[in-house]
Protein backbone atom coordinates (compact mmCIF):
# COMPACT_ATOMS: atom_id res chain seq x y z
CA MET A 1 0.00 0.00 0.00
CA ASP A 2 1.32 3.43 -0.95
CA VAL A 3 2.15 5.37 2.22
CA LEU A 4 0.50 8.51 0.82
CA SER A 5 -2.88 6.78 0.61
CA ARG A 6 -2.95 5.87 4.29
CA PRO A 7 -5.21 7.82 6.66
CA ALA A 8 -3.71 11.11 7.84
CA GLU A 9 -4.47 10.22 11.46
CA GLU A 10 -1.71 7.61 11.32
CA PHE A 11 0.98 10.26 10.98
CA ASP A 12 2.42 12.89 13.26
CA ASN A 13 3.79 16.06 11.70
CA ASP A 14 6.53 14.06 10.02
CA GLN A 15 8.63 16.28 7.76
CA SER A 16 9.38 13.41 5.38
CA ILE A 17 5.65 12.76 4.85
CA GLU A 18 5.01 16.46 4.22
CA THR A 19 7.88 16.47 1.74
CA MET A 20 6.44 13.44 -0.10
CA TRP A 21 3.05 15.18 -0.32
CA ALA A 22 4.69 18.33 -1.67
CA ILE A 23 6.66 16.35 -4.27
CA LYS A 24 3.55 14.48 -5.38
CA ALA A 25 1.55 17.73 -5.66
CA PHE A 26 4.34 19.40 -7.64
CA GLU A 27 4.70 16.45 -10.02
CA HIS A 28 0.94 16.49 -10.65
CA ALA A 29 1.05 20.25 -11.32
CA GLU A 30 4.01 19.95 -13.69
CA ILE A 31 2.41 17.17 -15.74
CA TYR A 32 -0.93 18.97 -15.93
CA PHE A 33 0.67 22.25 -17.00
CA ASN A 34 2.69 20.50 -19.73
CA ILE A 35 -0.52 18.96 -21.04
CA LEU A 36 -2.27 22.36 -21.01
CA CYS A 37 0.57 23.82 -23.06
CA SER A 38 0.45 20.98 -25.59
CA VAL A 39 -3.22 20.37 -26.40
CA ASP A 40 -6.44 22.32 -26.72
CA PRO A 41 -7.79 22.42 -23.13
CA LYS A 42 -11.38 22.14 -24.37
CA HIS A 43 -10.62 18.53 -25.34
CA LEU A 44 -9.11 17.50 -22.00
CA LYS A 45 -10.98 15.05 -19.83
CA LEU A 46 -9.66 15.18 -16.27
CA THR A 47 -11.99 12.57 -14.79
CA PRO A 48 -14.75 10.24 -16.02
CA MET A 49 -17.15 12.60 -14.21
CA ASP A 50 -16.15 15.93 -15.80
CA ASP A 51 -19.69 16.72 -16.99
CA THR A 52 -21.18 16.10 -13.55
CA ILE A 53 -18.45 18.02 -11.71
CA TYR A 54 -18.84 21.00 -14.05
CA LYS A 55 -22.65 21.00 -13.85
CA ILE A 56 -22.72 20.89 -10.04
CA PHE A 57 -19.85 23.37 -9.75
CA ARG A 58 -21.62 25.95 -11.90
CA GLU A 59 -24.94 25.34 -10.10
CA GLU A 60 -23.32 25.96 -6.71
CA PHE A 61 -20.77 28.60 -7.78
CA PRO A 62 -22.42 30.32 -10.78
CA THR A 63 -20.56 33.62 -10.44
CA LEU A 64 -17.12 32.37 -9.41
CA ASP A 65 -14.61 33.89 -11.82
CA VAL A 66 -12.17 31.05 -12.47
CA LYS A 67 -9.68 33.29 -14.25
CA ILE A 68 -8.29 34.60 -10.95
CA ILE A 69 -8.81 32.72 -7.70
CA ASN A 70 -8.16 34.74 -4.57
CA GLU A 71 -6.76 32.38 -1.93
CA ASN A 72 -8.02 34.47 1.01
CA GLU A 73 -11.55 34.48 -0.39
CA LEU A 74 -11.44 30.79 -1.32
CA LYS A 75 -10.33 29.84 2.18
CA SER A 76 -12.56 32.26 4.07
CA THR A 77 -15.00 30.82 6.61
CA LYS A 78 -17.94 31.74 4.37
CA GLU A 79 -16.47 30.07 1.27
CA LYS A 80 -15.30 26.98 3.18
CA ALA A 81 -18.90 26.50 4.32
CA LYS A 82 -20.00 26.50 0.66
CA TRP A 83 -17.16 24.30 -0.60
CA ARG A 84 -17.37 21.62 2.12
CA PRO A 85 -20.71 20.10 0.98
CA PHE A 86 -19.61 20.38 -2.66
CA CYS A 87 -16.42 18.43 -1.93
CA GLU A 88 -18.10 15.81 0.25
CA ARG A 89 -20.57 15.07 -2.52
CA PHE A 90 -17.67 13.50 -4.44
CA LYS A 91 -16.16 11.55 -1.54
CA THR A 92 -17.12 8.13 -2.91
CA LEU A 93 -17.07 9.12 -6.58
CA ILE A 94 -13.64 10.70 -7.14
CA GLU A 95 -10.53 8.87 -6.03
CA ASP A 96 -8.32 11.01 -3.77
CA TYR A 97 -10.97 13.77 -3.84
CA SER A 98 -9.43 15.42 -0.77
CA PHE A 99 -5.73 15.13 -1.71
CA GLY A 100 -3.81 18.38 -1.53
CA THR A 101 -3.37 19.64 -5.08
CA LEU A 102 -1.73 22.77 -6.46
CA LEU A 103 -3.95 25.22 -8.32
CA ARG A 104 -2.74 28.26 -10.25
CA SER A 105 -4.39 31.35 -8.77
CA HIS A 106 -4.06 33.27 -12.07
CA ALA A 107 -5.13 30.98 -14.91
CA GLU A 108 -2.99 32.78 -17.49
CA ASP A 109 0.26 32.12 -15.64
CA ASP A 110 2.31 29.05 -14.83
CA TYR A 111 2.96 27.33 -11.53
CA LYS A 112 5.34 29.31 -9.37
CA GLU A 113 5.34 29.99 -5.65
CA GLU A 114 3.37 33.24 -5.83
CA ASN A 115 0.82 31.74 -8.22
CA SER A 116 0.10 28.44 -6.48
CA ILE A 117 -2.62 27.63 -3.96
CA LEU A 118 -3.04 24.32 -2.16
CA VAL A 119 -6.62 23.08 -2.62
CA THR A 120 -8.39 19.73 -2.50
CA ARG A 121 -8.27 17.58 -5.62
CA ILE A 122 -12.01 18.04 -6.25
CA GLN A 123 -11.67 21.84 -6.03
CA PHE A 124 -8.82 21.61 -8.54
CA TYR A 125 -10.97 19.49 -10.86
CA ALA A 126 -13.97 21.81 -10.58
CA ILE A 127 -12.01 24.98 -11.28
CA GLU A 128 -9.78 23.50 -13.99
CA ILE A 129 -12.68 21.82 -15.80
CA ALA A 130 -14.42 25.21 -15.82
CA ARG A 131 -11.24 26.94 -17.03
CA ASN A 132 -10.88 24.41 -19.83
CA ARG A 133 -14.51 24.50 -20.96
CA GLU A 134 -14.88 28.27 -20.65
CA GLY A 135 -11.69 29.02 -22.61
CA THR A 136 -9.73 30.52 -19.73
CA ASN A 137 -6.79 28.15 -20.25
CA ASP A 138 -6.64 28.70 -24.03
CA ILE A 139 -3.91 31.35 -23.77
CA LEU A 140 -1.40 28.94 -22.25
CA ARG A 141 -0.54 27.14 -25.50
CA LYS A 142 0.43 30.45 -27.10
CA LYS A 143 2.12 31.93 -24.06
CA PHE A 144 4.13 28.85 -22.98
CA LYS A 145 4.82 26.96 -26.19
CA PRO A 146 7.05 24.00 -25.49
CA SER A 147 10.41 24.61 -27.11
CA PRO A 148 11.23 22.15 -29.86
CA LYS A 149 13.83 19.60 -28.94
CA PRO A 150 17.06 19.97 -30.90
CA GLU A 151 17.80 17.20 -33.32
CA ILE A 152 20.73 15.02 -32.41
CA GLN A 153 23.05 14.58 -35.32
CA GLU A 154 24.88 11.32 -35.62
CA GLU A 155 28.60 11.44 -36.14
CA THR A 156 29.80 10.00 -39.43
C-alpha cells in the first residue's frame, strides 16, 4: 500500500511525509501544465465525471470567476462552508478527492510559488474543468509553447 494513501491520522507532523506530499503535488502540477501547453484544453478530460463536476460546480458557484482565484476568499469561513458540501458530494465518486493539489491562482500564468494555492483535488478538478470549458486556459498554449527539442546529429 502506498504510504500517501494511508489515513492522515496515522501520521504525526513528520517532515518526510510532508515532503512526499509536496513532491507528489508538484509532479501532478508539472504534468498537468505541460498537457495544457500541448493540447487544446477544451478537449481534455480530467476525470470520467467531468460533466457532472462541471454542472454541479456551476450550479453551486455560478458567479465564481475562475480566471483569478483569490486564496483568502477561497479559504474564508464563508467560502469553506459552501465548498465543504460540494467536496463531500464527491467523496465516494472521485478517487483522492481530498488530496492536496496545487492550483494556479491566475489561470494565465504558470505554476510558481506566488501563483500556487493548495486546494483539495475536487476543487482543482472543478475549477480546472471550468477553465478548460470556458476558454480561460486557451492562452497557455500560445504563451508557454514548449520549445522544440534539438535534433541530435549522428557522427559520421
